[in-house]
Amino acid sequence: QVQLVESGGGLVQAGGSLRLSCAASGRTSRSTMGWFRQAPGKEREFVSAISWIGVSYYADSVKGRFTISTDNAKNTVYLQMNSLKPEDTAIYYCAVRSGFSGSGYSNRREYDYWGQGTQVTASS
């Protein structure tokens, strides 16, 4: 019953920035909202997440460059991506993990709902 729609992807030069948005419809209270990405030939990997108590998490590969945030009134999660690298190129997906917080945030199999993805390309 939760639907997620990502937006904000695009093509940028390496070193540039993008902000992704994920708008959720349906109940997302007491949930973790996360971002994952998948490059061709690779499995979907964790990027960032934020829990319903406001704790944020980041993959080591993006820490210091990406920032996750939410606008609870709009039921939207954002991913600000700075200093983009070619290796950041992937389809980015937002996801919702219901009723949990803590160590499972980086496990894609723990998430219950997924968006359709938005393409991010960083060229050099």
C-alpha atoms as a PDB file:
ATOM      1  CA  GLN A   1       0.000   0.000   0.000  1.00  0.00           C
ATOM      2  CA  VAL A   2       3.053   2.265   0.058  1.00  0.00           C
ATOM      3  CA  GLN A   3       4.097   3.716  -3.273  1.00  0.00           C
ATOM      4  CA  LEU A   4       7.403   5.485  -3.855  1.00  0.00           C
ATOM      5  CA  VAL A   5       8.384   7.744  -6.735  1.00  0.00           C
ATOM      6  CA  GLU A   6      11.977   8.882  -7.210  1.00  0.00           C
ATOM      7  CA  SER A   7      13.023  11.976  -9.096  1.00  0.00           C
ATOM      8  CA  GLY A   8      16.040  14.210  -9.546  1.00  0.00           C
ATOM      9  CA  GLY A   9      18.424  11.923 -11.355  1.00  0.00           C
ATOM     10  CA  GLY A  10      20.370  13.069 -14.347  1.00  0.00           C
ATOM     11  CA  LEU A  11      23.718  13.501 -16.012  1.00  0.00           C
ATOM     12  CA  VAL A  12      26.401  15.581 -14.318  1.00  0.00           C
ATOM     13  CA  GLN A  13      30.129  16.054 -14.560  1.00  0.00           C
ATOM     14  CA  ALA A  14      32.324  14.378 -11.989  1.00  0.00           C
ATOM     15  CA  GLY A  15      32.581  16.694  -9.016  1.00  0.00           C
ATOM     16  CA  GLY A  16      29.075  18.001  -9.525  1.00  0.00           C
ATOM     17  CA  SER A  17      25.949  17.632  -7.426  1.00  0.00           C
ATOM     18  CA  LEU A  18      22.432  16.263  -7.649  1.00  0.00           C
ATOM     19  CA  ARG A  19      19.564  16.042  -5.214  1.00  0.00           C
ATOM     20  CA  LEU A  20      17.293  13.042  -5.399  1.00  0.00           C
ATOM     21  CA  SER A  21      13.770  13.085  -4.042  1.00  0.00           C
ATOM     22  CA  CYS A  22      11.508  10.214  -3.092  1.00  0.00           C
ATOM     23  CA  ALA A  23       7.862  10.988  -2.525  1.00  0.00           C
ATOM     24  CA  ALA A  24       5.904   8.392  -0.594  1.00  0.00           C
ATOM     25  CA  SER A  25       2.195   7.770  -0.569  1.00  0.00           C
ATOM     26  CA  GLY A  26       0.657   5.641   2.123  1.00  0.00           C
ATOM     27  CA  ARG A  27       1.703   5.025   5.693  1.00  0.00           C
ATOM     28  CA  THR A  28       5.409   5.414   6.380  1.00  0.00           C
ATOM     29  CA  SER A  29       5.359   6.340  10.048  1.00  0.00           C
ATOM     30  CA  ARG A  30       7.845   4.494  12.252  1.00  0.00           C
ATOM     31  CA  SER A  31       9.732   3.371   9.190  1.00  0.00           C
ATOM     32  CA  THR A  32      13.240   3.542   7.868  1.00  0.00           C
ATOM     33  CA  MET A  33      13.581   5.218   4.500  1.00  0.00           C
ATOM     34  CA  GLY A  34      16.612   4.267   2.492  1.00  0.00           C
ATOM     35  CA  TRP A  35      18.471   4.748  -0.741  1.00  0.00           C
ATOM     36  CA  PHE A  36      20.097   1.946  -2.684  1.00  0.00           C
ATOM     37  CA  ARG A  37      21.816   1.900  -6.041  1.00  0.00           C
ATOM     38  CA  GLN A  38      22.535  -0.647  -8.706  1.00  0.00           C
ATOM     39  CA  ALA A  39      25.118  -0.385 -11.450  1.00  0.00           C
ATOM     40  CA  PRO A  40      25.143  -2.681 -14.494  1.00  0.00           C
ATOM     41  CA  GLY A  41      26.437  -6.121 -13.611  1.00  0.00           C
ATOM     42  CA  LYS A  42      26.409  -5.459  -9.881  1.00  0.00           C
ATOM     43  CA  GLU A  43      24.005  -6.215  -7.091  1.00  0.00           C
ATOM     44  CA  ARG A  44      21.917  -3.532  -5.490  1.00  0.00           C
ATOM     45  CA  GLU A  45      23.914  -1.875  -2.735  1.00  0.00           C
ATOM     46  CA  PHE A  46      23.107   0.282   0.241  1.00  0.00           C
ATOM     47  CA  VAL A  47      23.765   4.002  -0.020  1.00  0.00           C
ATOM     48  CA  SER A  48      22.037   5.734   2.877  1.00  0.00           C
ATOM     49  CA  ALA A  49      19.072   5.489   5.233  1.00  0.00           C
ATOM     50  CA  ILE A  50      17.286   7.472   7.894  1.00  0.00           C
ATOM     51  CA  SER A  51      15.198   5.956  10.653  1.00  0.00           C
ATOM     52  CA  TRP A  52      11.943   7.148  12.133  1.00  0.00           C
ATOM     53  CA  ILE A  53      13.837   8.347  15.197  1.00  0.00           C
ATOM     54  CA  GLY A  54      16.046  10.519  13.001  1.00  0.00           C
ATOM     55  CA  VAL A  55      19.250   8.516  12.891  1.00  0.00           C
ATOM     56  CA  SER A  56      21.032   8.587   9.546  1.00  0.00           C
ATOM     57  CA  TYR A  57      23.362   6.002   8.065  1.00  0.00           C
ATOM     58  CA  TYR A  58      25.764   6.023   5.129  1.00  0.00           C
ATOM     59  CA  ALA A  59      27.794   3.568   3.159  1.00  0.00           C
ATOM     60  CA  ASP A  60      31.507   4.183   3.574  1.00  0.00           C
ATOM     61  CA  SER A  61      31.787   4.961  -0.123  1.00  0.00           C
ATOM     62  CA  VAL A  62      29.512   8.009   0.148  1.00  0.00           C
ATOM     63  CA  LYS A  63      30.114   9.233   3.679  1.00  0.00           C
ATOM     64  CA  GLY A  64      31.142  12.865   3.680  1.00  0.00           C
ATOM     65  CA  ARG A  65      29.728  13.453   0.202  1.00  0.00           C
ATOM     66  CA  PHE A  66      26.047  12.501   0.460  1.00  0.00           C
ATOM     67  CA  THR A  67      23.447  13.718   2.934  1.00  0.00           C
ATOM     68  CA  ILE A  68      20.065  12.146   3.587  1.00  0.00           C
ATOM     69  CA  SER A  69      17.172  14.166   4.942  1.00  0.00           C
ATOM     70  CA  THR A  70      13.403  14.030   5.253  1.00  0.00           C
ATOM     71  CA  ASP A  71      10.458  16.343   5.111  1.00  0.00           C
ATOM     72  CA  ASN A  72       7.918  14.508   7.197  1.00  0.00           C
ATOM     73  CA  ALA A  73       5.097  16.888   6.350  1.00  0.00           C
ATOM     74  CA  LYS A  74       5.592  16.080   2.665  1.00  0.00           C
ATOM     75  CA  ASN A  75       6.343  12.396   3.273  1.00  0.00           C
ATOM     76  CA  THR A  76       9.499  12.806   1.240  1.00  0.00           C
ATOM     77  CA  VAL A  77      13.096  11.716   1.642  1.00  0.00           C
ATOM     78  CA  TYR A  78      15.993  13.427  -0.104  1.00  0.00           C
ATOM     79  CA  LEU A  79      19.521  12.470  -0.976  1.00  0.00           C
ATOM     80  CA  GLN A  80      21.882  15.370  -1.581  1.00  0.00           C
ATOM     81  CA  MET A  81      24.837  14.078  -3.560  1.00  0.00           C
ATOM     82  CA  ASN A  82      27.947  16.226  -3.769  1.00  0.00           C
ATOM     83  CA  SER A  83      31.373  15.594  -5.257  1.00  0.00           C
ATOM     84  CA  LEU A  84      29.961  12.929  -7.528  1.00  0.00           C
ATOM     85  CA  LYS A  85      32.343  10.359  -8.934  1.00  0.00           C
ATOM     86  CA  PRO A  86      32.009   8.134 -11.997  1.00  0.00           C
ATOM     87  CA  GLU A  87      31.658   5.164  -9.667  1.00  0.00           C
ATOM     88  CA  ASP A  88      28.461   6.722  -8.312  1.00  0.00           C
ATOM     89  CA  THR A  89      26.810   6.076 -11.668  1.00  0.00           C
ATOM     90  CA  ALA A  90      23.856   3.763 -11.107  1.00  0.00           C
ATOM     91  CA  ILE A  91      20.122   3.548 -10.889  1.00  0.00           C
ATOM     92  CA  TYR A  92      19.128   4.869  -7.491  1.00  0.00           C
ATOM     93  CA  TYR A  93      16.149   3.402  -5.665  1.00  0.00           C
ATOM     94  CA  CYS A  94      14.351   4.560  -2.578  1.00  0.00           C
ATOM     95  CA  ALA A  95      12.836   2.036  -0.225  1.00  0.00           C
ATOM     96  CA  VAL A  96      10.848   1.749   2.991  1.00  0.00           C
ATOM     97  CA  ARG A  97      11.535  -0.636   5.848  1.00  0.00           C
ATOM     98  CA  SER A  98       8.528  -0.824   8.141  1.00  0.00           C
ATOM     99  CA  GLY A  99       8.610  -1.221  11.878  1.00  0.00           C
ATOM    100  CA  PHE A 100      12.359  -1.528  12.411  1.00  0.00           C
ATOM    101  CA  SER A 101      15.393   0.533  13.264  1.00  0.00           C
ATOM    102  CA  GLY A 102      19.048  -0.305  13.721  1.00  0.00           C
ATOM    103  CA  SER A 103      21.383  -2.817  12.208  1.00  0.00           C
ATOM    104  CA  GLY A 104      19.173  -4.023   9.376  1.00  0.00           C
ATOM    105  CA  TYR A 105      19.132  -0.663   7.614  1.00  0.00           C
ATOM    106  CA  SER A 106      21.755  -1.649   5.038  1.00  0.00           C
ATOM    107  CA  ASN A 107      20.172  -4.965   4.055  1.00  0.00           C
ATOM    108  CA  ARG A 108      18.007  -4.594   0.963  1.00  0.00           C
ATOM    109  CA  ARG A 109      16.091  -7.728   1.885  1.00  0.00           C
ATOM    110  CA  GLU A 110      14.794  -6.006   5.012  1.00  0.00           C
ATOM    111  CA  TYR A 111      12.923  -3.380   2.984  1.00  0.00           C
ATOM    112  CA  ASP A 112       9.270  -3.775   2.155  1.00  0.00           C
ATOM    113  CA  TYR A 113       8.566  -1.235  -0.591  1.00  0.00           C
ATOM    114  CA  TRP A 114      10.607   0.035  -3.505  1.00  0.00           C
ATOM    115  CA  GLY A 115      10.420   2.786  -6.056  1.00  0.00           C
ATOM    116  CA  GLN A 116      11.139   2.288  -9.741  1.00  0.00           C
ATOM    117  CA  GLY A 117      14.491   4.042  -9.665  1.00  0.00           C
ATOM    118  CA  THR A 118      16.095   7.114 -11.161  1.00  0.00           C
ATOM    119  CA  GLN A 119      19.274   7.131 -13.231  1.00  0.00           C
ATOM    120  CA  VAL A 120      22.316   9.017 -11.980  1.00  0.00           C
ATOM    121  CA  THR A 121      25.299   9.391 -14.274  1.00  0.00           C
ATOM    122  CA  ALA A 122      28.521  11.146 -13.304  1.00  0.00           C
ATOM    123  CA  SER A 123      30.895  11.496 -16.220  1.00  0.00           C
ATOM    124  CA  SER A 124      34.558  12.439 -16.358  1.00  0.00           C
END
